[in-house]
């Protein structure tokens, strides 16, 4: 869906006005989006909208016609999703990376009151979809993790036997596929934000959570 097509907004100008209080944090997996968004929400008394938390709800609100890649993904078994396909195919066919369901994020935001401000976070915030919704360009930033940072984040989160990759027949291969897919996705975000002249922050292993929160605060000009 593009600006002007959302049911509750009459035109692009109205849509921009109604989303003026929204701040967006997108970026690659494991870049610190959730932690940073929570910190800023707590600091400023903002509402937090985590796009990961509504994925199941959004999947249930779509039809196969509206979100064909999503519904094909739902029909796959775990090996079909994470083991049997190449990282390149996984990247190109992953429904959220293609923007399916993004319109539902916007519909949710339009239903929220204009106060307090809302901070939205998640990898589903694709630059080319967010940019037309920005009344102020400084209201959006994308966090781009370096390879070393992503490896460290994965190690800190990995618990043997836990997580969806352990439901596959080859957790090691599934893990490698996902890491490579996410590396390519982060590279795509880097290229797209550069082309669209949107703000980014490189997140490396030397950066603390406090450092990142302050850099995002500066990017938002708070």
N, C-alpha and C. Protein backbone atom coordinates (compact mmCIF):
# COMPACT_ATOMS: atom_id res chain seq x y z
N UNK A 1 0.84 -1.18 0.00
CA UNK A 1 0.00 0.00 0.00
C UNK A 1 0.88 1.24 0.00
N UNK A 2 0.46 2.26 -0.72
CA UNK A 2 1.20 3.50 -0.81
C UNK A 2 0.40 4.61 -0.14
N UNK A 3 1.07 5.73 0.23
CA UNK A 3 0.35 6.83 0.82
C UNK A 3 -0.85 7.23 -0.03
N UNK A 4 -1.99 7.52 0.59
CA UNK A 4 -3.20 7.84 -0.14
C UNK A 4 -4.12 6.67 -0.28
N UNK A 5 -3.64 5.42 -0.02
CA UNK A 5 -4.46 4.23 -0.17
C UNK A 5 -4.95 3.69 1.17
N UNK A 6 -4.50 4.26 2.28
CA UNK A 6 -4.95 3.78 3.57
C UNK A 6 -6.36 4.26 3.83
N UNK A 7 -7.18 3.37 4.33
CA UNK A 7 -8.60 3.63 4.47
C UNK A 7 -8.89 4.88 5.29
N UNK A 8 -8.07 5.14 6.33
CA UNK A 8 -8.42 6.19 7.26
C UNK A 8 -7.75 7.53 6.95
N UNK A 9 -7.07 7.62 5.85
CA UNK A 9 -6.43 8.88 5.47
C UNK A 9 -6.92 9.31 4.10
N UNK A 10 -7.43 10.52 4.02
CA UNK A 10 -8.05 10.97 2.77
C UNK A 10 -7.02 11.26 1.69
N UNK A 11 -5.87 11.78 2.05
CA UNK A 11 -4.85 12.11 1.06
C UNK A 11 -3.48 12.08 1.72
N UNK A 12 -2.45 12.27 0.90
CA UNK A 12 -1.09 12.18 1.41
C UNK A 12 -0.80 13.23 2.47
N UNK A 13 -1.27 14.46 2.26
CA UNK A 13 -1.02 15.53 3.23
C UNK A 13 -1.62 15.18 4.58
N UNK A 14 -2.84 14.63 4.57
CA UNK A 14 -3.47 14.25 5.82
C UNK A 14 -2.70 13.11 6.49
N UNK A 15 -2.25 12.16 5.67
CA UNK A 15 -1.51 11.02 6.20
C UNK A 15 -0.23 11.49 6.89
N UNK A 16 0.50 12.38 6.25
CA UNK A 16 1.73 12.91 6.84
C UNK A 16 1.44 13.63 8.15
N UNK A 17 0.37 14.41 8.17
CA UNK A 17 0.02 15.15 9.38
C UNK A 17 -0.33 14.21 10.52
N UNK A 18 -1.04 13.13 10.21
CA UNK A 18 -1.48 12.21 11.25
C UNK A 18 -0.36 11.31 11.77
N UNK A 19 0.73 11.24 11.01
CA UNK A 19 1.87 10.44 11.44
C UNK A 19 3.05 11.30 11.88
N UNK A 20 2.82 12.58 12.04
CA UNK A 20 3.91 13.50 12.40
C UNK A 20 4.51 13.17 13.76
N UNK A 21 3.74 12.56 14.64
CA UNK A 21 4.21 12.25 16.00
C UNK A 21 4.91 10.90 16.07
N UNK A 22 5.11 10.25 14.93
CA UNK A 22 5.71 8.91 14.90
C UNK A 22 7.20 9.01 14.59
N UNK A 23 8.00 8.25 15.36
CA UNK A 23 9.44 8.12 15.11
C UNK A 23 9.72 6.66 14.74
N UNK A 24 10.58 6.45 13.76
CA UNK A 24 10.80 5.13 13.19
C UNK A 24 12.25 4.68 13.39
N UNK A 25 12.44 3.45 13.90
CA UNK A 25 13.77 2.85 13.99
C UNK A 25 13.74 1.52 13.23
N UNK A 26 14.34 1.52 12.05
CA UNK A 26 14.46 0.30 11.27
C UNK A 26 15.88 -0.23 11.33
N UNK A 27 16.14 -1.28 10.57
CA UNK A 27 17.51 -1.77 10.51
C UNK A 27 17.61 -3.27 10.45
N UNK A 28 18.84 -3.75 10.41
CA UNK A 28 19.11 -5.17 10.31
C UNK A 28 18.85 -5.91 11.61
N UNK A 29 18.77 -7.21 11.49
CA UNK A 29 18.51 -8.06 12.65
C UNK A 29 19.67 -7.98 13.65
N UNK A 30 19.34 -7.89 14.93
CA UNK A 30 20.37 -7.87 15.97
C UNK A 30 21.11 -6.57 16.09
N UNK A 31 20.52 -5.46 15.62
CA UNK A 31 21.23 -4.18 15.63
C UNK A 31 20.94 -3.35 16.87
N UNK A 32 20.04 -3.81 17.74
CA UNK A 32 19.72 -3.04 18.94
C UNK A 32 18.49 -2.17 18.82
N UNK A 33 17.64 -2.44 17.83
CA UNK A 33 16.45 -1.62 17.61
C UNK A 33 15.51 -1.67 18.82
N UNK A 34 15.22 -2.87 19.29
CA UNK A 34 14.24 -3.02 20.37
C UNK A 34 14.73 -2.36 21.66
N UNK A 35 15.99 -2.61 22.01
CA UNK A 35 16.54 -2.04 23.24
C UNK A 35 16.54 -0.52 23.19
N UNK A 36 16.95 0.02 22.05
CA UNK A 36 17.01 1.48 21.90
C UNK A 36 15.62 2.09 21.94
N UNK A 37 14.69 1.47 21.26
CA UNK A 37 13.32 2.00 21.24
C UNK A 37 12.72 2.00 22.65
N UNK A 38 12.94 0.92 23.40
CA UNK A 38 12.42 0.87 24.77
C UNK A 38 13.04 1.97 25.63
N UNK A 39 14.33 2.19 25.46
CA UNK A 39 14.99 3.23 26.25
C UNK A 39 14.40 4.60 25.96
N UNK A 40 14.20 4.90 24.69
CA UNK A 40 13.67 6.21 24.34
C UNK A 40 12.21 6.34 24.77
N UNK A 41 11.44 5.27 24.65
CA UNK A 41 10.05 5.31 25.09
C UNK A 41 9.97 5.58 26.59
N UNK A 42 10.83 4.92 27.35
CA UNK A 42 10.84 5.13 28.79
C UNK A 42 11.31 6.55 29.14
N UNK A 43 12.32 7.01 28.42
CA UNK A 43 12.90 8.33 28.74
C UNK A 43 11.91 9.45 28.48
N UNK A 44 11.18 9.36 27.36
CA UNK A 44 10.31 10.47 26.97
C UNK A 44 8.83 10.22 27.24
N UNK A 45 8.50 9.05 27.77
CA UNK A 45 7.09 8.75 28.02
C UNK A 45 6.31 8.50 26.76
N UNK A 46 6.98 7.96 25.75
CA UNK A 46 6.33 7.67 24.47
C UNK A 46 5.68 6.30 24.47
N UNK A 47 4.81 6.08 23.52
CA UNK A 47 4.24 4.76 23.28
C UNK A 47 5.20 3.96 22.40
N UNK A 48 5.38 2.69 22.72
CA UNK A 48 6.26 1.82 21.93
C UNK A 48 5.42 0.88 21.09
N UNK A 49 5.74 0.83 19.79
CA UNK A 49 5.08 -0.09 18.87
C UNK A 49 6.16 -0.96 18.25
N UNK A 50 6.22 -2.22 18.68
CA UNK A 50 7.22 -3.17 18.16
C UNK A 50 6.58 -4.00 17.06
N UNK A 51 7.10 -3.89 15.86
CA UNK A 51 6.47 -4.57 14.74
C UNK A 51 6.58 -6.09 14.84
N UNK A 52 7.61 -6.60 15.54
CA UNK A 52 7.71 -8.04 15.74
C UNK A 52 6.50 -8.58 16.52
N UNK A 53 6.01 -7.77 17.46
CA UNK A 53 4.94 -8.23 18.33
C UNK A 53 3.61 -8.40 17.62
N UNK A 54 3.46 -7.77 16.47
CA UNK A 54 2.16 -7.82 15.77
C UNK A 54 2.22 -8.68 14.50
N UNK A 55 3.33 -9.38 14.29
CA UNK A 55 3.44 -10.17 13.06
C UNK A 55 2.36 -11.24 12.97
N UNK A 56 2.11 -11.95 14.07
CA UNK A 56 1.09 -13.01 14.05
C UNK A 56 -0.29 -12.41 13.77
N UNK A 57 -0.59 -11.29 14.42
CA UNK A 57 -1.87 -10.63 14.18
C UNK A 57 -1.99 -10.18 12.73
N UNK A 58 -0.93 -9.60 12.19
CA UNK A 58 -0.97 -9.12 10.80
C UNK A 58 -1.10 -10.27 9.82
N UNK A 59 -0.44 -11.38 10.11
CA UNK A 59 -0.57 -12.55 9.23
C UNK A 59 -2.03 -13.00 9.16
N UNK A 60 -2.71 -12.94 10.29
CA UNK A 60 -4.11 -13.36 10.33
C UNK A 60 -5.06 -12.37 9.68
N UNK A 61 -4.58 -11.16 9.44
CA UNK A 61 -5.43 -10.11 8.83
C UNK A 61 -5.21 -9.99 7.33
N UNK A 62 -4.41 -10.88 6.75
CA UNK A 62 -4.15 -10.81 5.31
C UNK A 62 -4.78 -12.01 4.60
N UNK A 63 -5.00 -11.85 3.32
CA UNK A 63 -5.45 -12.94 2.46
C UNK A 63 -4.31 -13.36 1.55
N UNK A 64 -4.39 -14.56 0.94
CA UNK A 64 -3.35 -14.97 -0.01
C UNK A 64 -3.20 -14.00 -1.18
N UNK A 65 -4.27 -13.34 -1.54
CA UNK A 65 -4.19 -12.37 -2.63
C UNK A 65 -3.41 -11.13 -2.21
N UNK A 66 -3.60 -10.71 -0.96
CA UNK A 66 -2.93 -9.51 -0.46
C UNK A 66 -1.47 -9.77 -0.11
N UNK A 67 -1.17 -10.97 0.36
CA UNK A 67 0.19 -11.30 0.82
C UNK A 67 0.56 -12.70 0.35
N UNK A 68 0.82 -12.88 -0.94
CA UNK A 68 1.09 -14.22 -1.47
C UNK A 68 2.35 -14.87 -0.89
N UNK A 69 3.41 -14.10 -0.69
CA UNK A 69 4.64 -14.68 -0.16
C UNK A 69 4.46 -15.12 1.30
N UNK A 70 3.72 -14.34 2.06
CA UNK A 70 3.44 -14.71 3.45
C UNK A 70 2.70 -16.04 3.52
N UNK A 71 1.68 -16.18 2.71
CA UNK A 71 0.87 -17.39 2.80
C UNK A 71 1.61 -18.62 2.25
N UNK A 72 2.49 -18.41 1.28
CA UNK A 72 3.34 -19.52 0.84
C UNK A 72 4.29 -19.93 1.95
N UNK A 73 4.82 -18.96 2.67
CA UNK A 73 5.73 -19.23 3.79
C UNK A 73 5.00 -20.01 4.88
N UNK A 74 3.80 -19.61 5.20
CA UNK A 74 3.02 -20.28 6.24
C UNK A 74 2.80 -21.75 5.89
N UNK A 75 2.64 -22.03 4.60
CA UNK A 75 2.35 -23.40 4.16
C UNK A 75 3.58 -24.29 4.16
N UNK A 76 4.78 -23.71 4.28
CA UNK A 76 6.02 -24.50 4.26
C UNK A 76 6.26 -25.18 5.60
N UNK A 77 6.99 -26.32 5.56
CA UNK A 77 7.48 -26.89 6.82
C UNK A 77 8.80 -26.22 7.18
N UNK A 78 9.36 -26.55 8.33
CA UNK A 78 10.54 -25.82 8.83
C UNK A 78 11.75 -26.00 7.93
N UNK A 79 11.94 -27.20 7.38
CA UNK A 79 13.08 -27.40 6.48
C UNK A 79 12.91 -26.62 5.19
N UNK A 80 11.69 -26.56 4.68
CA UNK A 80 11.46 -25.77 3.46
C UNK A 80 11.75 -24.30 3.71
N UNK A 81 11.46 -23.83 4.89
CA UNK A 81 11.70 -22.42 5.20
C UNK A 81 13.18 -22.09 5.36
N UNK A 82 13.91 -22.94 6.10
CA UNK A 82 15.22 -22.53 6.58
C UNK A 82 16.39 -23.39 6.13
N UNK A 83 16.14 -24.59 5.60
CA UNK A 83 17.23 -25.50 5.25
C UNK A 83 17.36 -25.70 3.74
N UNK A 84 16.26 -25.95 3.07
CA UNK A 84 16.30 -26.41 1.68
C UNK A 84 16.47 -25.29 0.65
N UNK A 85 16.29 -24.06 1.05
CA UNK A 85 16.41 -22.94 0.11
C UNK A 85 17.71 -22.18 0.37
N UNK A 86 18.24 -21.59 -0.68
CA UNK A 86 19.46 -20.81 -0.54
C UNK A 86 19.16 -19.50 0.19
N UNK A 87 20.18 -18.89 0.81
CA UNK A 87 19.97 -17.58 1.43
C UNK A 87 19.46 -16.54 0.45
N UNK A 88 19.90 -16.63 -0.80
CA UNK A 88 19.44 -15.67 -1.81
C UNK A 88 17.95 -15.80 -2.05
N UNK A 89 17.47 -17.03 -2.17
CA UNK A 89 16.03 -17.25 -2.37
C UNK A 89 15.27 -16.83 -1.12
N UNK A 90 15.81 -17.15 0.05
CA UNK A 90 15.17 -16.75 1.30
C UNK A 90 15.03 -15.24 1.37
N UNK A 91 16.04 -14.52 0.94
CA UNK A 91 16.00 -13.06 0.97
C UNK A 91 14.92 -12.53 0.04
N UNK A 92 14.89 -13.04 -1.17
CA UNK A 92 13.99 -12.50 -2.19
C UNK A 92 12.53 -12.87 -1.94
N UNK A 93 12.28 -13.94 -1.21
CA UNK A 93 10.91 -14.41 -1.04
C UNK A 93 10.36 -14.19 0.36
N UNK A 94 11.17 -13.65 1.29
CA UNK A 94 10.68 -13.46 2.64
C UNK A 94 9.66 -12.32 2.65
N UNK A 95 8.47 -12.62 3.07
CA UNK A 95 7.32 -11.72 2.92
C UNK A 95 7.53 -10.35 3.57
N UNK A 96 8.07 -10.34 4.80
CA UNK A 96 8.25 -9.04 5.45
C UNK A 96 9.30 -8.21 4.74
N UNK A 97 10.33 -8.85 4.16
CA UNK A 97 11.33 -8.11 3.41
C UNK A 97 10.76 -7.53 2.11
N UNK A 98 9.65 -8.07 1.65
CA UNK A 98 9.00 -7.56 0.44
C UNK A 98 7.94 -6.50 0.76
N UNK A 99 7.75 -6.21 2.04
CA UNK A 99 6.81 -5.16 2.43
C UNK A 99 5.39 -5.65 2.62
N UNK A 100 5.15 -6.96 2.53
CA UNK A 100 3.80 -7.45 2.75
C UNK A 100 3.40 -7.17 4.20
N UNK A 101 2.20 -6.68 4.38
CA UNK A 101 1.70 -6.36 5.70
C UNK A 101 2.12 -5.00 6.23
N UNK A 102 2.92 -4.24 5.48
CA UNK A 102 3.34 -2.93 5.97
C UNK A 102 2.15 -2.00 6.13
N UNK A 103 1.19 -2.11 5.22
CA UNK A 103 0.00 -1.27 5.33
C UNK A 103 -0.73 -1.46 6.65
N UNK A 104 -0.65 -2.66 7.22
CA UNK A 104 -1.31 -2.93 8.49
C UNK A 104 -0.60 -2.20 9.64
N UNK A 105 0.72 -2.04 9.53
CA UNK A 105 1.44 -1.24 10.51
C UNK A 105 0.90 0.18 10.50
N UNK A 106 0.76 0.73 9.32
CA UNK A 106 0.28 2.11 9.19
C UNK A 106 -1.16 2.22 9.70
N UNK A 107 -1.99 1.25 9.38
CA UNK A 107 -3.38 1.28 9.87
C UNK A 107 -3.40 1.27 11.39
N UNK A 108 -2.55 0.45 12.01
CA UNK A 108 -2.48 0.42 13.47
C UNK A 108 -2.07 1.78 14.02
N UNK A 109 -1.07 2.40 13.40
CA UNK A 109 -0.59 3.69 13.89
C UNK A 109 -1.65 4.77 13.75
N UNK A 110 -2.42 4.71 12.69
CA UNK A 110 -3.46 5.71 12.48
C UNK A 110 -4.58 5.61 13.51
N UNK A 111 -4.71 4.45 14.12
CA UNK A 111 -5.75 4.27 15.14
C UNK A 111 -5.32 4.78 16.51
N UNK A 112 -4.02 5.05 16.67
CA UNK A 112 -3.52 5.52 17.96
C UNK A 112 -3.78 7.02 18.12
N UNK A 113 -3.95 7.48 19.36
CA UNK A 113 -4.14 8.93 19.58
C UNK A 113 -2.88 9.69 19.23
N UNK A 114 -3.00 10.99 18.92
CA UNK A 114 -1.83 11.78 18.51
C UNK A 114 -0.85 12.06 19.64
N UNK A 115 -1.23 11.82 20.87
CA UNK A 115 -0.33 11.99 22.00
C UNK A 115 -0.42 10.76 22.90
N UNK A 116 0.69 10.28 23.44
CA UNK A 116 2.05 10.79 23.27
C UNK A 116 2.62 10.37 21.91
N UNK A 117 3.86 10.76 21.65
CA UNK A 117 4.55 10.31 20.45
C UNK A 117 4.67 8.79 20.46
N UNK A 118 4.84 8.23 19.28
CA UNK A 118 4.99 6.78 19.12
C UNK A 118 6.36 6.50 18.53
N UNK A 119 7.05 5.52 19.09
CA UNK A 119 8.30 5.07 18.49
C UNK A 119 8.07 3.66 17.96
N UNK A 120 8.29 3.49 16.67
CA UNK A 120 8.05 2.24 15.97
C UNK A 120 9.40 1.61 15.67
N UNK A 121 9.52 0.31 15.92
CA UNK A 121 10.81 -0.33 15.64
C UNK A 121 10.60 -1.69 15.00
N UNK A 122 11.58 -2.07 14.17
CA UNK A 122 11.55 -3.40 13.58
C UNK A 122 12.18 -3.44 12.21
N UNK A 123 12.56 -4.65 11.80
CA UNK A 123 13.19 -4.81 10.49
C UNK A 123 12.18 -4.64 9.36
N UNK A 124 10.88 -4.69 9.68
CA UNK A 124 9.84 -4.55 8.65
C UNK A 124 9.74 -3.12 8.11
N UNK A 125 10.44 -2.18 8.72
CA UNK A 125 10.36 -0.78 8.31
C UNK A 125 11.33 -0.55 7.15
N UNK A 126 10.90 -0.90 5.96
CA UNK A 126 11.74 -0.77 4.77
C UNK A 126 11.84 0.70 4.37
N UNK A 127 13.03 1.17 4.05
CA UNK A 127 13.22 2.60 3.78
C UNK A 127 12.29 3.16 2.72
N UNK A 128 12.08 2.43 1.60
CA UNK A 128 11.26 2.98 0.53
C UNK A 128 9.79 3.05 0.91
N UNK A 129 9.37 2.30 1.93
CA UNK A 129 8.00 2.37 2.40
C UNK A 129 7.80 3.44 3.46
N UNK A 130 8.83 3.67 4.27
CA UNK A 130 8.73 4.66 5.34
C UNK A 130 8.90 6.08 4.82
N UNK A 131 9.81 6.28 3.87
CA UNK A 131 10.13 7.65 3.45
C UNK A 131 8.91 8.46 3.02
N UNK A 132 7.96 7.90 2.25
CA UNK A 132 6.80 8.71 1.86
C UNK A 132 5.90 9.11 3.03
N UNK A 133 6.12 8.52 4.19
CA UNK A 133 5.28 8.82 5.36
C UNK A 133 5.92 9.83 6.29
N UNK A 134 7.11 10.33 5.93
CA UNK A 134 7.87 11.21 6.82
C UNK A 134 7.56 12.68 6.54
N UNK A 135 6.91 13.31 7.51
CA UNK A 135 6.73 14.76 7.41
C UNK A 135 8.05 15.46 7.72
N UNK A 136 8.85 14.81 8.58
CA UNK A 136 10.17 15.34 8.94
C UNK A 136 11.18 14.22 8.75
N UNK A 137 12.17 14.38 7.89
CA UNK A 137 13.12 13.29 7.60
C UNK A 137 13.91 12.82 8.82
N UNK A 138 14.07 13.70 9.82
CA UNK A 138 14.83 13.31 11.00
C UNK A 138 14.04 12.40 11.94
N UNK A 139 12.81 12.07 11.58
CA UNK A 139 12.00 11.18 12.42
C UNK A 139 12.25 9.70 12.12
N UNK A 140 13.23 9.40 11.30
CA UNK A 140 13.52 8.00 10.97
C UNK A 140 15.01 7.75 10.93
N UNK A 141 15.42 6.58 11.41
CA UNK A 141 16.81 6.18 11.35
C UNK A 141 16.88 4.67 11.21
N UNK A 142 17.90 4.19 10.51
CA UNK A 142 18.11 2.75 10.32
C UNK A 142 19.43 2.36 10.95
N UNK A 143 19.40 1.31 11.75
CA UNK A 143 20.59 0.80 12.43
C UNK A 143 21.18 -0.33 11.61
N UNK A 144 22.44 -0.19 11.23
CA UNK A 144 23.09 -1.15 10.35
C UNK A 144 24.23 -1.84 11.11
N UNK A 145 24.01 -3.08 11.55
CA UNK A 145 25.05 -3.76 12.33
C UNK A 145 26.21 -4.22 11.46
N UNK A 146 27.41 -4.09 11.98
CA UNK A 146 28.57 -4.64 11.29
C UNK A 146 28.54 -6.17 11.44
N UNK A 147 29.24 -6.90 10.58
CA UNK A 147 29.27 -8.37 10.70
C UNK A 147 29.70 -8.84 12.09
N UNK A 148 30.73 -8.19 12.67
CA UNK A 148 31.19 -8.60 13.99
C UNK A 148 30.12 -8.36 15.05
N UNK A 149 29.40 -7.26 14.94
CA UNK A 149 28.35 -6.99 15.91
C UNK A 149 27.23 -8.02 15.80
N UNK A 150 26.88 -8.39 14.56
CA UNK A 150 25.83 -9.39 14.39
C UNK A 150 26.25 -10.72 14.97
N UNK A 151 27.50 -11.10 14.75
CA UNK A 151 27.98 -12.37 15.31
C UNK A 151 27.90 -12.35 16.83
N UNK A 152 28.31 -11.23 17.43
CA UNK A 152 28.26 -11.12 18.89
C UNK A 152 26.82 -11.18 19.39
N UNK A 153 25.91 -10.53 18.67
CA UNK A 153 24.51 -10.53 19.07
C UNK A 153 23.91 -11.92 18.97
N UNK A 154 24.27 -12.64 17.91
CA UNK A 154 23.75 -14.00 17.74
C UNK A 154 24.26 -14.91 18.83
N UNK A 155 25.55 -14.79 19.16
CA UNK A 155 26.13 -15.63 20.22
C UNK A 155 25.45 -15.37 21.56
N UNK A 156 25.15 -14.11 21.83
CA UNK A 156 24.56 -13.76 23.13
C UNK A 156 23.13 -14.27 23.25
N UNK A 157 22.46 -14.44 22.10
CA UNK A 157 21.06 -14.85 22.13
C UNK A 157 20.88 -16.35 21.96
N UNK A 158 21.91 -17.03 21.48
CA UNK A 158 21.77 -18.44 21.12
C UNK A 158 21.83 -19.32 22.36
N UNK A 159 20.83 -20.16 22.50
CA UNK A 159 20.79 -21.16 23.55
C UNK A 159 20.57 -22.51 22.88
N UNK A 160 21.53 -23.43 22.94
CA UNK A 160 21.39 -24.73 22.27
C UNK A 160 20.07 -25.40 22.63
N UNK A 161 19.37 -25.83 21.60
CA UNK A 161 18.11 -26.52 21.79
C UNK A 161 16.90 -25.61 21.82
N UNK A 162 17.13 -24.28 21.86
CA UNK A 162 16.02 -23.34 21.88
C UNK A 162 15.99 -22.54 20.58
N UNK A 163 14.81 -22.13 20.19
CA UNK A 163 14.65 -21.35 18.97
C UNK A 163 14.15 -22.20 17.82
N UNK A 164 13.62 -21.53 16.79
CA UNK A 164 12.96 -22.26 15.71
C UNK A 164 13.92 -23.08 14.86
N UNK A 165 15.23 -22.70 14.81
CA UNK A 165 16.14 -23.48 13.95
C UNK A 165 16.30 -24.91 14.48
N UNK A 166 16.05 -25.11 15.78
CA UNK A 166 16.18 -26.45 16.35
C UNK A 166 14.98 -27.33 16.00
N UNK A 167 14.01 -26.75 15.34
CA UNK A 167 12.88 -27.54 14.86
C UNK A 167 13.11 -28.03 13.44
N UNK A 168 14.28 -27.70 12.87
CA UNK A 168 14.64 -28.19 11.54
C UNK A 168 15.47 -29.47 11.67
N UNK A 169 15.70 -30.14 10.53
CA UNK A 169 16.52 -31.36 10.55
C UNK A 169 18.01 -31.05 10.58
N UNK A 170 18.37 -29.78 10.30
CA UNK A 170 19.78 -29.39 10.26
C UNK A 170 19.92 -27.98 10.83
N UNK A 171 19.91 -27.84 12.16
CA UNK A 171 19.99 -26.51 12.77
C UNK A 171 21.23 -25.72 12.36
N UNK A 172 22.36 -26.41 12.15
CA UNK A 172 23.58 -25.72 11.78
C UNK A 172 23.43 -25.04 10.42
N UNK A 173 22.90 -25.77 9.45
CA UNK A 173 22.71 -25.19 8.12
C UNK A 173 21.65 -24.10 8.15
N UNK A 174 20.58 -24.33 8.89
CA UNK A 174 19.53 -23.32 9.00
C UNK A 174 20.11 -22.03 9.57
N UNK A 175 20.95 -22.16 10.59
CA UNK A 175 21.57 -20.99 11.19
C UNK A 175 22.46 -20.24 10.21
N UNK A 176 23.26 -20.98 9.44
CA UNK A 176 24.13 -20.34 8.45
C UNK A 176 23.31 -19.64 7.38
N UNK A 177 22.25 -20.28 6.94
CA UNK A 177 21.38 -19.67 5.93
C UNK A 177 20.80 -18.34 6.42
N UNK A 178 20.34 -18.34 7.65
CA UNK A 178 19.71 -17.13 8.19
C UNK A 178 20.74 -16.02 8.37
N UNK A 179 21.92 -16.36 8.85
CA UNK A 179 22.97 -15.36 9.03
C UNK A 179 23.33 -14.72 7.69
N UNK A 180 23.46 -15.53 6.64
CA UNK A 180 23.79 -14.99 5.33
C UNK A 180 22.65 -14.18 4.76
N UNK A 181 21.44 -14.67 4.92
CA UNK A 181 20.27 -13.91 4.45
C UNK A 181 20.22 -12.55 5.12
N UNK A 182 20.43 -12.51 6.43
CA UNK A 182 20.35 -11.26 7.15
C UNK A 182 21.50 -10.33 6.80
N UNK A 183 22.67 -10.90 6.49
CA UNK A 183 23.79 -10.07 6.04
C UNK A 183 23.42 -9.36 4.74
N UNK A 184 22.83 -10.10 3.81
CA UNK A 184 22.44 -9.51 2.54
C UNK A 184 21.32 -8.48 2.72
N UNK A 185 20.42 -8.75 3.67
CA UNK A 185 19.35 -7.80 3.93
C UNK A 185 19.90 -6.49 4.48
N UNK A 186 20.87 -6.58 5.39
CA UNK A 186 21.48 -5.37 5.93
C UNK A 186 22.18 -4.59 4.83
N UNK A 187 22.85 -5.30 3.93
CA UNK A 187 23.50 -4.62 2.81
C UNK A 187 22.47 -3.93 1.92
N UNK A 188 21.34 -4.56 1.72
CA UNK A 188 20.28 -3.95 0.92
C UNK A 188 19.76 -2.68 1.60
N UNK A 189 19.59 -2.74 2.92
CA UNK A 189 19.16 -1.55 3.65
C UNK A 189 20.17 -0.42 3.50
N UNK A 190 21.44 -0.77 3.58
CA UNK A 190 22.49 0.24 3.44
C UNK A 190 22.42 0.93 2.08
N UNK A 191 22.24 0.14 1.03
CA UNK A 191 22.16 0.71 -0.31
C UNK A 191 20.90 1.55 -0.49
N UNK A 192 19.79 1.08 0.06
CA UNK A 192 18.52 1.78 -0.13
C UNK A 192 18.49 3.09 0.66
N UNK A 193 18.98 3.08 1.89
CA UNK A 193 19.00 4.32 2.66
C UNK A 193 19.94 5.34 2.04
N UNK A 194 21.05 4.87 1.48
CA UNK A 194 21.97 5.80 0.80
C UNK A 194 21.30 6.42 -0.42
N UNK A 195 20.62 5.59 -1.20
CA UNK A 195 19.95 6.09 -2.40
C UNK A 195 18.85 7.09 -2.05
N UNK A 196 18.13 6.84 -0.97
CA UNK A 196 17.01 7.69 -0.56
C UNK A 196 17.42 8.81 0.37
N UNK A 197 18.72 8.86 0.72
CA UNK A 197 19.28 9.90 1.58
C UNK A 197 18.58 9.92 2.95
N UNK A 198 18.49 8.74 3.53
CA UNK A 198 17.91 8.59 4.85
C UNK A 198 19.02 8.34 5.87
N UNK A 199 18.75 8.65 7.11
CA UNK A 199 19.76 8.56 8.17
C UNK A 199 20.04 7.10 8.55
N UNK A 200 21.30 6.81 8.78
CA UNK A 200 21.70 5.49 9.26
C UNK A 200 22.73 5.65 10.39
N UNK A 201 22.86 4.59 11.18
CA UNK A 201 23.90 4.52 12.21
C UNK A 201 24.55 3.15 12.09
N UNK A 202 25.87 3.14 11.93
CA UNK A 202 26.61 1.89 11.91
C UNK A 202 26.81 1.42 13.34
N UNK A 203 26.38 0.20 13.63
CA UNK A 203 26.46 -0.33 14.99
C UNK A 203 27.57 -1.37 15.04
N UNK A 204 28.62 -1.10 15.83
CA UNK A 204 29.74 -2.03 15.91
C UNK A 204 29.93 -2.50 17.35
N UNK A 205 30.88 -3.38 17.53
CA UNK A 205 31.08 -4.02 18.84
C UNK A 205 31.64 -3.05 19.88
N UNK A 206 32.16 -1.92 19.46
CA UNK A 206 32.69 -0.94 20.40
C UNK A 206 31.59 -0.04 20.97
N UNK A 207 30.41 -0.09 20.39
CA UNK A 207 29.32 0.79 20.79
C UNK A 207 28.51 0.17 21.93
N UNK A 208 28.33 0.92 23.01
CA UNK A 208 27.51 0.46 24.12
C UNK A 208 26.04 0.79 23.85
N UNK A 209 25.15 0.21 24.66
CA UNK A 209 23.73 0.53 24.54
C UNK A 209 23.49 2.01 24.80
N UNK A 210 24.22 2.58 25.75
CA UNK A 210 24.09 4.01 26.02
C UNK A 210 24.53 4.84 24.82
N UNK A 211 25.66 4.44 24.20
CA UNK A 211 26.16 5.15 23.02
C UNK A 211 25.11 5.15 21.91
N UNK A 212 24.53 3.99 21.67
CA UNK A 212 23.57 3.86 20.58
C UNK A 212 22.33 4.70 20.87
N UNK A 213 21.84 4.65 22.09
CA UNK A 213 20.66 5.44 22.45
C UNK A 213 20.93 6.93 22.24
N UNK A 214 22.11 7.37 22.58
CA UNK A 214 22.44 8.79 22.41
C UNK A 214 22.56 9.15 20.94
N UNK A 215 23.12 8.26 20.14
CA UNK A 215 23.23 8.54 18.70
C UNK A 215 21.85 8.61 18.03
N UNK A 216 20.96 7.73 18.46
CA UNK A 216 19.61 7.78 17.90
C UNK A 216 18.89 9.06 18.37
N UNK A 217 19.08 9.42 19.63
CA UNK A 217 18.50 10.66 20.13
C UNK A 217 18.98 11.86 19.33
N UNK A 218 20.26 11.88 19.00
CA UNK A 218 20.81 12.96 18.19
C UNK A 218 20.24 12.93 16.78
N UNK A 219 20.12 11.73 16.20
CA UNK A 219 19.56 11.62 14.86
C UNK A 219 18.14 12.13 14.81
N UNK A 220 17.37 11.90 15.88
CA UNK A 220 15.99 12.38 15.96
C UNK A 220 15.90 13.86 16.33
N UNK A 221 17.03 14.46 16.65
CA UNK A 221 17.10 15.88 17.04
C UNK A 221 16.22 16.17 18.25
N UNK A 222 16.29 15.28 19.22
CA UNK A 222 15.49 15.46 20.43
C UNK A 222 16.20 16.37 21.42
